[in-house]
């Protein structure tokens, strides 16, 4: 059953949220890709965002004072649009809070930020091809994956 939108608080994360965010990332990597992340490296990676805001911005979703989800947005400059595009990354919602409107609240918050800022041209994300559940959520919120295919090389 969905939570009432008024019971979900979405806010910009602060350094005091770093431990929870790192734990979310470790859980997500294991759940979605079967990867065991190093806690020290992941914690330092999360902390680096708080130390250098050009790397991105974390947002936290809370309900009843408990952090239940997080997302990282990172900027990409688009010369085609002369605007910044925000990438949604590191999206994680705790299992007991899925299908309750938490991600929708996070997305709505981000959408309002982007819609009100003429310097930002849109929102993008990438999703594992096998994560059909997430793809369905993104589609229901009005996003589409029809335009680009992401290629990568990772060291």
N, C-alpha and C. Protein backbone atom coordinates (compact mmCIF):
# COMPACT_ATOMS: atom_id res chain seq x y z
N UNK A 1 0.84 -1.18 0.00
CA UNK A 1 0.00 0.00 0.00
C UNK A 1 0.89 1.25 0.00
N UNK A 2 0.62 2.19 -0.90
CA UNK A 2 1.44 3.41 -0.98
C UNK A 2 1.36 4.22 0.31
N UNK A 3 2.47 4.89 0.62
CA UNK A 3 2.50 5.83 1.74
C UNK A 3 1.85 7.12 1.27
N UNK A 4 1.30 7.85 2.20
CA UNK A 4 0.78 9.17 1.87
C UNK A 4 1.96 10.04 1.46
N UNK A 5 1.81 10.80 0.38
CA UNK A 5 2.90 11.66 -0.09
C UNK A 5 3.37 12.60 1.02
N UNK A 6 2.46 13.01 1.88
CA UNK A 6 2.83 13.94 2.95
C UNK A 6 3.70 13.27 4.02
N UNK A 7 3.76 11.94 4.05
CA UNK A 7 4.58 11.26 5.04
C UNK A 7 5.99 10.97 4.52
N UNK A 8 6.25 11.31 3.26
CA UNK A 8 7.58 11.10 2.67
C UNK A 8 8.25 12.46 2.53
N UNK A 9 9.34 12.62 3.23
CA UNK A 9 10.12 13.86 3.14
C UNK A 9 11.32 13.60 2.25
N UNK A 10 11.47 14.40 1.19
CA UNK A 10 12.65 14.31 0.33
C UNK A 10 13.45 15.58 0.57
N UNK A 11 14.73 15.39 0.89
CA UNK A 11 15.58 16.53 1.20
C UNK A 11 16.97 16.31 0.64
N UNK A 12 17.68 17.41 0.47
CA UNK A 12 19.08 17.33 0.08
C UNK A 12 19.83 16.67 1.24
N UNK A 13 20.66 15.70 0.92
CA UNK A 13 21.39 14.99 1.96
C UNK A 13 22.49 15.86 2.54
N UNK A 14 22.88 15.54 3.75
CA UNK A 14 23.99 16.23 4.43
C UNK A 14 25.07 15.20 4.77
N UNK A 15 26.25 15.66 5.14
CA UNK A 15 27.32 14.72 5.48
C UNK A 15 26.93 13.70 6.54
N UNK A 16 26.01 14.04 7.42
CA UNK A 16 25.58 13.09 8.45
C UNK A 16 24.81 11.90 7.85
N UNK A 17 24.40 12.00 6.58
CA UNK A 17 23.71 10.91 5.89
C UNK A 17 24.67 9.96 5.18
N UNK A 18 25.96 10.29 5.18
CA UNK A 18 26.93 9.53 4.38
C UNK A 18 26.95 8.05 4.72
N UNK A 19 26.87 7.70 5.98
CA UNK A 19 26.92 6.28 6.36
C UNK A 19 25.72 5.52 5.80
N UNK A 20 24.55 6.11 5.90
CA UNK A 20 23.34 5.46 5.37
C UNK A 20 23.42 5.33 3.85
N UNK A 21 23.89 6.37 3.18
CA UNK A 21 24.00 6.33 1.72
C UNK A 21 24.99 5.25 1.30
N UNK A 22 26.12 5.15 1.96
CA UNK A 22 27.10 4.12 1.63
C UNK A 22 26.49 2.73 1.84
N UNK A 23 25.75 2.55 2.91
CA UNK A 23 25.10 1.26 3.16
C UNK A 23 24.09 0.94 2.06
N UNK A 24 23.34 1.96 1.62
CA UNK A 24 22.39 1.75 0.52
C UNK A 24 23.12 1.31 -0.74
N UNK A 25 24.26 1.93 -1.03
CA UNK A 25 24.99 1.61 -2.25
C UNK A 25 25.55 0.19 -2.21
N UNK A 26 26.05 -0.20 -1.06
CA UNK A 26 26.57 -1.56 -0.89
C UNK A 26 25.44 -2.58 -1.08
N UNK A 27 24.27 -2.30 -0.50
CA UNK A 27 23.12 -3.20 -0.65
C UNK A 27 22.65 -3.26 -2.10
N UNK A 28 22.62 -2.10 -2.78
CA UNK A 28 22.16 -2.06 -4.16
C UNK A 28 23.08 -2.85 -5.08
N UNK A 29 24.38 -2.69 -4.93
CA UNK A 29 25.33 -3.39 -5.80
C UNK A 29 25.18 -4.91 -5.65
N UNK A 30 25.01 -5.36 -4.42
CA UNK A 30 24.84 -6.78 -4.19
C UNK A 30 23.52 -7.28 -4.77
N UNK A 31 22.46 -6.53 -4.54
CA UNK A 31 21.13 -6.92 -5.01
C UNK A 31 20.99 -6.91 -6.53
N UNK A 32 21.47 -5.86 -7.16
CA UNK A 32 21.22 -5.69 -8.59
C UNK A 32 22.26 -6.33 -9.50
N UNK A 33 23.51 -6.40 -9.04
CA UNK A 33 24.56 -6.90 -9.91
C UNK A 33 25.41 -8.01 -9.29
N UNK A 34 25.07 -8.39 -8.06
CA UNK A 34 25.84 -9.44 -7.39
C UNK A 34 27.27 -9.03 -7.07
N UNK A 35 27.50 -7.72 -6.94
CA UNK A 35 28.84 -7.19 -6.68
C UNK A 35 28.96 -6.84 -5.20
N UNK A 36 30.05 -7.27 -4.59
CA UNK A 36 30.32 -6.92 -3.20
C UNK A 36 31.28 -5.73 -3.21
N UNK A 37 30.77 -4.58 -2.80
CA UNK A 37 31.58 -3.36 -2.77
C UNK A 37 32.40 -3.31 -1.49
N UNK A 38 33.56 -2.72 -1.59
CA UNK A 38 34.41 -2.48 -0.43
C UNK A 38 33.82 -1.32 0.37
N UNK A 39 33.54 -1.54 1.64
CA UNK A 39 32.89 -0.52 2.46
C UNK A 39 33.74 0.74 2.59
N UNK A 40 35.04 0.58 2.75
CA UNK A 40 35.92 1.75 2.91
C UNK A 40 35.93 2.60 1.64
N UNK A 41 36.08 1.95 0.50
CA UNK A 41 36.11 2.69 -0.77
C UNK A 41 34.76 3.37 -1.02
N UNK A 42 33.68 2.62 -0.79
CA UNK A 42 32.35 3.19 -1.02
C UNK A 42 32.10 4.38 -0.10
N UNK A 43 32.48 4.26 1.16
CA UNK A 43 32.30 5.37 2.11
C UNK A 43 33.09 6.59 1.68
N UNK A 44 34.33 6.38 1.22
CA UNK A 44 35.14 7.50 0.74
C UNK A 44 34.52 8.11 -0.52
N UNK A 45 33.96 7.27 -1.39
CA UNK A 45 33.31 7.77 -2.60
C UNK A 45 32.10 8.63 -2.29
N UNK A 46 31.31 8.21 -1.32
CA UNK A 46 30.15 9.01 -0.90
C UNK A 46 30.63 10.32 -0.27
N UNK A 47 31.60 10.23 0.60
CA UNK A 47 32.12 11.43 1.28
C UNK A 47 32.68 12.44 0.28
N UNK A 48 33.28 11.94 -0.80
CA UNK A 48 33.87 12.83 -1.82
C UNK A 48 32.81 13.76 -2.43
N UNK A 49 31.58 13.29 -2.54
CA UNK A 49 30.51 14.13 -3.08
C UNK A 49 30.20 15.28 -2.13
N UNK A 50 30.23 15.01 -0.83
CA UNK A 50 29.97 16.07 0.14
C UNK A 50 31.12 17.06 0.21
N UNK A 51 32.32 16.60 -0.10
CA UNK A 51 33.49 17.48 -0.06
C UNK A 51 33.65 18.31 -1.33
N UNK A 52 33.03 17.87 -2.43
CA UNK A 52 33.15 18.57 -3.71
C UNK A 52 31.81 18.50 -4.43
N UNK A 53 30.99 19.53 -4.28
CA UNK A 53 29.64 19.48 -4.83
C UNK A 53 29.59 19.50 -6.36
N UNK A 54 30.72 19.71 -7.02
CA UNK A 54 30.72 19.58 -8.49
C UNK A 54 30.58 18.12 -8.91
N UNK A 55 30.84 17.21 -7.99
CA UNK A 55 30.69 15.78 -8.29
C UNK A 55 29.22 15.36 -8.34
N UNK A 56 28.37 16.05 -7.61
CA UNK A 56 26.96 15.69 -7.60
C UNK A 56 26.28 16.13 -6.32
N UNK A 57 25.03 15.71 -6.19
CA UNK A 57 24.21 16.03 -5.03
C UNK A 57 23.40 14.79 -4.66
N UNK A 58 23.44 14.44 -3.38
CA UNK A 58 22.60 13.35 -2.88
C UNK A 58 21.30 13.91 -2.34
N UNK A 59 20.24 13.12 -2.50
CA UNK A 59 18.96 13.40 -1.88
C UNK A 59 18.55 12.17 -1.09
N UNK A 60 17.88 12.40 0.01
CA UNK A 60 17.41 11.35 0.91
C UNK A 60 15.90 11.42 0.98
N UNK A 61 15.26 10.25 1.03
CA UNK A 61 13.82 10.19 1.32
C UNK A 61 13.67 9.60 2.71
N UNK A 62 12.86 10.26 3.51
CA UNK A 62 12.60 9.81 4.87
C UNK A 62 11.11 9.59 5.07
N UNK A 63 10.82 8.65 5.92
CA UNK A 63 9.45 8.49 6.39
C UNK A 63 9.54 8.14 7.87
N UNK A 64 8.73 8.78 8.66
CA UNK A 64 8.76 8.61 10.13
C UNK A 64 10.16 8.82 10.68
N UNK A 65 10.90 9.77 10.10
CA UNK A 65 12.23 10.10 10.59
C UNK A 65 13.32 9.10 10.21
N UNK A 66 12.99 8.12 9.41
CA UNK A 66 13.94 7.08 9.01
C UNK A 66 14.33 7.27 7.54
N UNK A 67 15.63 7.25 7.26
CA UNK A 67 16.09 7.32 5.87
C UNK A 67 15.79 5.99 5.19
N UNK A 68 15.02 6.04 4.10
CA UNK A 68 14.59 4.80 3.44
C UNK A 68 15.03 4.73 1.97
N UNK A 69 15.60 5.82 1.46
CA UNK A 69 16.01 5.84 0.05
C UNK A 69 16.99 6.98 -0.17
N UNK A 70 17.78 6.82 -1.23
CA UNK A 70 18.68 7.90 -1.63
C UNK A 70 18.88 7.87 -3.13
N UNK A 71 19.35 9.00 -3.62
CA UNK A 71 19.66 9.14 -5.04
C UNK A 71 20.80 10.14 -5.16
N UNK A 72 21.63 9.94 -6.16
CA UNK A 72 22.70 10.87 -6.47
C UNK A 72 22.39 11.49 -7.82
N UNK A 73 22.45 12.81 -7.90
CA UNK A 73 22.34 13.46 -9.21
C UNK A 73 23.72 14.00 -9.57
N UNK A 74 24.08 13.82 -10.83
CA UNK A 74 25.36 14.33 -11.32
C UNK A 74 25.12 15.16 -12.58
N UNK A 75 25.84 16.26 -12.71
CA UNK A 75 25.62 17.14 -13.86
C UNK A 75 26.41 16.69 -15.09
N UNK A 76 25.79 16.86 -16.24
CA UNK A 76 26.46 16.65 -17.54
C UNK A 76 26.17 17.88 -18.39
N UNK A 77 27.20 18.49 -18.92
CA UNK A 77 27.00 19.65 -19.78
C UNK A 77 26.59 19.20 -21.17
N UNK A 78 25.54 19.81 -21.71
CA UNK A 78 25.09 19.53 -23.07
C UNK A 78 25.31 20.77 -23.93
N UNK A 79 26.29 20.69 -24.83
CA UNK A 79 26.51 21.83 -25.73
C UNK A 79 25.37 21.93 -26.73
N UNK A 80 24.70 20.83 -27.03
CA UNK A 80 23.56 20.88 -27.95
C UNK A 80 22.42 21.71 -27.38
N UNK A 81 22.28 21.69 -26.07
CA UNK A 81 21.17 22.39 -25.43
C UNK A 81 21.61 23.68 -24.71
N UNK A 82 22.93 23.83 -24.53
CA UNK A 82 23.47 24.93 -23.73
C UNK A 82 22.85 24.90 -22.33
N UNK A 83 22.73 23.69 -21.81
CA UNK A 83 22.15 23.48 -20.49
C UNK A 83 22.80 22.26 -19.85
N UNK A 84 22.64 22.18 -18.56
CA UNK A 84 23.08 21.00 -17.81
C UNK A 84 21.97 19.96 -17.83
N UNK A 85 22.35 18.71 -17.98
CA UNK A 85 21.43 17.59 -17.85
C UNK A 85 21.78 16.90 -16.54
N UNK A 86 20.79 16.61 -15.74
CA UNK A 86 21.04 15.89 -14.49
C UNK A 86 20.87 14.39 -14.70
N UNK A 87 21.89 13.66 -14.34
CA UNK A 87 21.82 12.20 -14.36
C UNK A 87 21.39 11.74 -12.97
N UNK A 88 20.42 10.85 -12.92
CA UNK A 88 20.05 10.20 -11.67
C UNK A 88 20.89 8.93 -11.58
N UNK A 89 21.60 8.79 -10.49
CA UNK A 89 22.47 7.64 -10.28
C UNK A 89 22.26 7.10 -8.88
N UNK A 90 22.77 5.92 -8.66
CA UNK A 90 22.79 5.34 -7.32
C UNK A 90 21.43 5.40 -6.65
N UNK A 91 20.40 5.09 -7.41
CA UNK A 91 19.03 5.10 -6.89
C UNK A 91 18.82 3.85 -6.03
N UNK A 92 18.43 4.06 -4.79
CA UNK A 92 18.16 2.92 -3.92
C UNK A 92 16.99 3.23 -2.99
N UNK A 93 16.05 2.29 -2.96
CA UNK A 93 14.93 2.34 -2.02
C UNK A 93 14.96 1.04 -1.23
N UNK A 94 14.92 1.14 0.07
CA UNK A 94 14.95 -0.06 0.91
C UNK A 94 13.80 -0.99 0.54
N UNK A 95 14.05 -2.30 0.52
CA UNK A 95 13.03 -3.26 0.07
C UNK A 95 11.65 -3.08 0.70
N UNK A 96 11.55 -2.84 1.98
CA UNK A 96 10.24 -2.70 2.62
C UNK A 96 9.48 -1.44 2.26
N UNK A 97 10.14 -0.54 1.51
CA UNK A 97 9.52 0.73 1.14
C UNK A 97 9.29 0.86 -0.36
N UNK A 98 9.54 -0.20 -1.08
CA UNK A 98 9.29 -0.19 -2.53
C UNK A 98 7.80 -0.35 -2.79
N UNK A 99 7.37 0.16 -3.94
CA UNK A 99 5.95 0.13 -4.32
C UNK A 99 5.07 0.89 -3.33
N UNK A 100 5.66 1.88 -2.69
CA UNK A 100 4.92 2.69 -1.72
C UNK A 100 4.97 4.18 -2.07
N UNK A 101 5.51 4.50 -3.24
CA UNK A 101 5.55 5.90 -3.67
C UNK A 101 6.81 6.65 -3.28
N UNK A 102 7.80 5.96 -2.71
CA UNK A 102 9.01 6.65 -2.27
C UNK A 102 9.80 7.17 -3.46
N UNK A 103 10.06 6.31 -4.45
CA UNK A 103 10.80 6.79 -5.62
C UNK A 103 10.01 7.88 -6.35
N UNK A 104 8.71 7.72 -6.43
CA UNK A 104 7.88 8.73 -7.07
C UNK A 104 8.06 10.08 -6.39
N UNK A 105 8.14 10.08 -5.06
CA UNK A 105 8.35 11.33 -4.31
C UNK A 105 9.72 11.93 -4.63
N UNK A 106 10.74 11.07 -4.71
CA UNK A 106 12.08 11.54 -5.05
C UNK A 106 12.08 12.14 -6.46
N UNK A 107 11.50 11.42 -7.40
CA UNK A 107 11.46 11.89 -8.79
C UNK A 107 10.67 13.20 -8.90
N UNK A 108 9.55 13.29 -8.22
CA UNK A 108 8.74 14.51 -8.26
C UNK A 108 9.52 15.70 -7.72
N UNK A 109 10.27 15.48 -6.65
CA UNK A 109 11.10 16.54 -6.08
C UNK A 109 12.15 17.00 -7.09
N UNK A 110 12.83 16.04 -7.71
CA UNK A 110 13.85 16.37 -8.69
C UNK A 110 13.23 17.04 -9.92
N UNK A 111 12.09 16.55 -10.36
CA UNK A 111 11.39 17.13 -11.51
C UNK A 111 11.08 18.60 -11.26
N UNK A 112 10.61 18.93 -10.05
CA UNK A 112 10.30 20.32 -9.71
C UNK A 112 11.55 21.19 -9.74
N UNK A 113 12.65 20.65 -9.25
CA UNK A 113 13.92 21.39 -9.27
C UNK A 113 14.32 21.70 -10.71
N UNK A 114 14.27 20.69 -11.57
CA UNK A 114 14.67 20.85 -12.97
C UNK A 114 13.71 21.78 -13.70
N UNK A 115 12.42 21.59 -13.48
CA UNK A 115 11.41 22.40 -14.17
C UNK A 115 11.54 23.88 -13.83
N UNK A 116 11.98 24.20 -12.62
CA UNK A 116 12.05 25.60 -12.20
C UNK A 116 13.39 26.26 -12.50
N UNK A 117 14.34 25.51 -13.04
CA UNK A 117 15.69 26.04 -13.28
C UNK A 117 15.97 26.02 -14.79
N UNK A 118 16.01 27.19 -15.42
CA UNK A 118 16.22 27.25 -16.87
C UNK A 118 17.61 26.78 -17.30
N UNK A 119 18.54 26.68 -16.35
CA UNK A 119 19.89 26.21 -16.68
C UNK A 119 19.97 24.69 -16.80
N UNK A 120 18.90 24.01 -16.38
CA UNK A 120 18.88 22.54 -16.44
C UNK A 120 17.89 22.11 -17.52
N UNK A 121 18.36 21.28 -18.45
CA UNK A 121 17.56 20.90 -19.60
C UNK A 121 16.78 19.61 -19.46
N UNK A 122 17.07 18.80 -18.45
CA UNK A 122 16.34 17.56 -18.31
C UNK A 122 17.00 16.59 -17.35
N UNK A 123 16.44 15.39 -17.34
CA UNK A 123 16.87 14.34 -16.42
C UNK A 123 17.15 13.08 -17.24
N UNK A 124 18.24 12.41 -16.89
CA UNK A 124 18.58 11.13 -17.53
C UNK A 124 18.96 10.12 -16.46
N UNK A 125 18.85 8.87 -16.82
CA UNK A 125 19.38 7.81 -15.98
C UNK A 125 19.70 6.62 -16.85
N UNK A 126 20.50 5.73 -16.32
CA UNK A 126 20.72 4.46 -16.98
C UNK A 126 20.23 3.37 -16.04
N UNK A 127 19.82 2.28 -16.62
CA UNK A 127 19.30 1.16 -15.84
C UNK A 127 19.78 -0.14 -16.47
N UNK A 128 20.12 -1.09 -15.64
CA UNK A 128 20.52 -2.40 -16.13
C UNK A 128 19.40 -2.98 -16.98
N UNK A 129 19.75 -3.55 -18.12
CA UNK A 129 18.74 -4.10 -19.04
C UNK A 129 17.86 -5.16 -18.38
N UNK A 130 18.38 -5.85 -17.39
CA UNK A 130 17.60 -6.91 -16.75
C UNK A 130 16.73 -6.39 -15.61
N UNK A 131 16.86 -5.13 -15.25
CA UNK A 131 16.09 -4.58 -14.14
C UNK A 131 14.75 -4.05 -14.67
N UNK A 132 13.90 -4.97 -15.05
CA UNK A 132 12.63 -4.61 -15.66
C UNK A 132 11.69 -3.91 -14.67
N UNK A 133 11.80 -4.26 -13.42
CA UNK A 133 10.95 -3.62 -12.40
C UNK A 133 11.21 -2.11 -12.36
N UNK A 134 12.48 -1.74 -12.33
CA UNK A 134 12.83 -0.31 -12.31
C UNK A 134 12.39 0.36 -13.61
N UNK A 135 12.58 -0.31 -14.73
CA UNK A 135 12.19 0.26 -16.02
C UNK A 135 10.69 0.55 -16.06
N UNK A 136 9.90 -0.32 -15.47
CA UNK A 136 8.45 -0.10 -15.43
C UNK A 136 8.11 1.14 -14.59
N UNK A 137 8.81 1.30 -13.48
CA UNK A 137 8.59 2.48 -12.64
C UNK A 137 8.93 3.75 -13.41
N UNK A 138 10.09 3.77 -14.07
CA UNK A 138 10.51 4.96 -14.82
C UNK A 138 9.53 5.28 -15.94
N UNK A 139 9.04 4.26 -16.61
CA UNK A 139 8.06 4.47 -17.69
C UNK A 139 6.77 5.06 -17.14
N UNK A 140 6.29 4.54 -16.01
CA UNK A 140 5.06 5.07 -15.40
C UNK A 140 5.19 6.55 -15.03
N UNK A 141 6.42 6.99 -14.74
CA UNK A 141 6.64 8.39 -14.36
C UNK A 141 6.85 9.29 -15.58
N UNK A 142 6.78 8.72 -16.78
CA UNK A 142 6.85 9.54 -17.99
C UNK A 142 8.21 9.57 -18.66
N UNK A 143 9.17 8.80 -18.14
CA UNK A 143 10.49 8.75 -18.78
C UNK A 143 10.44 7.69 -19.88
N UNK A 144 11.37 7.79 -20.83
CA UNK A 144 11.44 6.76 -21.86
C UNK A 144 12.89 6.40 -22.11
N UNK A 145 13.10 5.20 -22.60
CA UNK A 145 14.45 4.73 -22.90
C UNK A 145 14.64 4.49 -24.38
N UNK A 146 13.91 5.23 -25.17
CA UNK A 146 13.89 4.98 -26.61
C UNK A 146 14.98 5.71 -27.38
N UNK A 147 15.61 6.72 -26.79
CA UNK A 147 16.45 7.59 -27.59
C UNK A 147 17.92 7.17 -27.63
N UNK A 148 18.48 6.77 -26.50
CA UNK A 148 19.90 6.47 -26.45
C UNK A 148 20.15 5.08 -25.90
N UNK A 149 21.25 4.52 -26.28
CA UNK A 149 21.76 3.30 -25.70
C UNK A 149 23.12 3.66 -25.10
N UNK A 150 23.36 3.27 -23.88
CA UNK A 150 24.59 3.64 -23.20
C UNK A 150 25.66 2.57 -23.44
N UNK A 151 26.85 3.00 -23.81
CA UNK A 151 28.00 2.11 -23.95
C UNK A 151 29.01 2.56 -22.92
N UNK A 152 29.81 1.63 -22.44
CA UNK A 152 30.80 2.01 -21.45
C UNK A 152 32.04 1.14 -21.55
N UNK A 153 33.10 1.64 -20.99
CA UNK A 153 34.31 0.89 -20.75
C UNK A 153 34.68 1.20 -19.33
N UNK A 154 34.83 0.17 -18.51
CA UNK A 154 35.14 0.39 -17.11
C UNK A 154 36.43 -0.33 -16.75
N UNK A 155 37.27 0.34 -16.04
CA UNK A 155 38.55 -0.22 -15.61
C UNK A 155 38.34 -1.11 -14.40
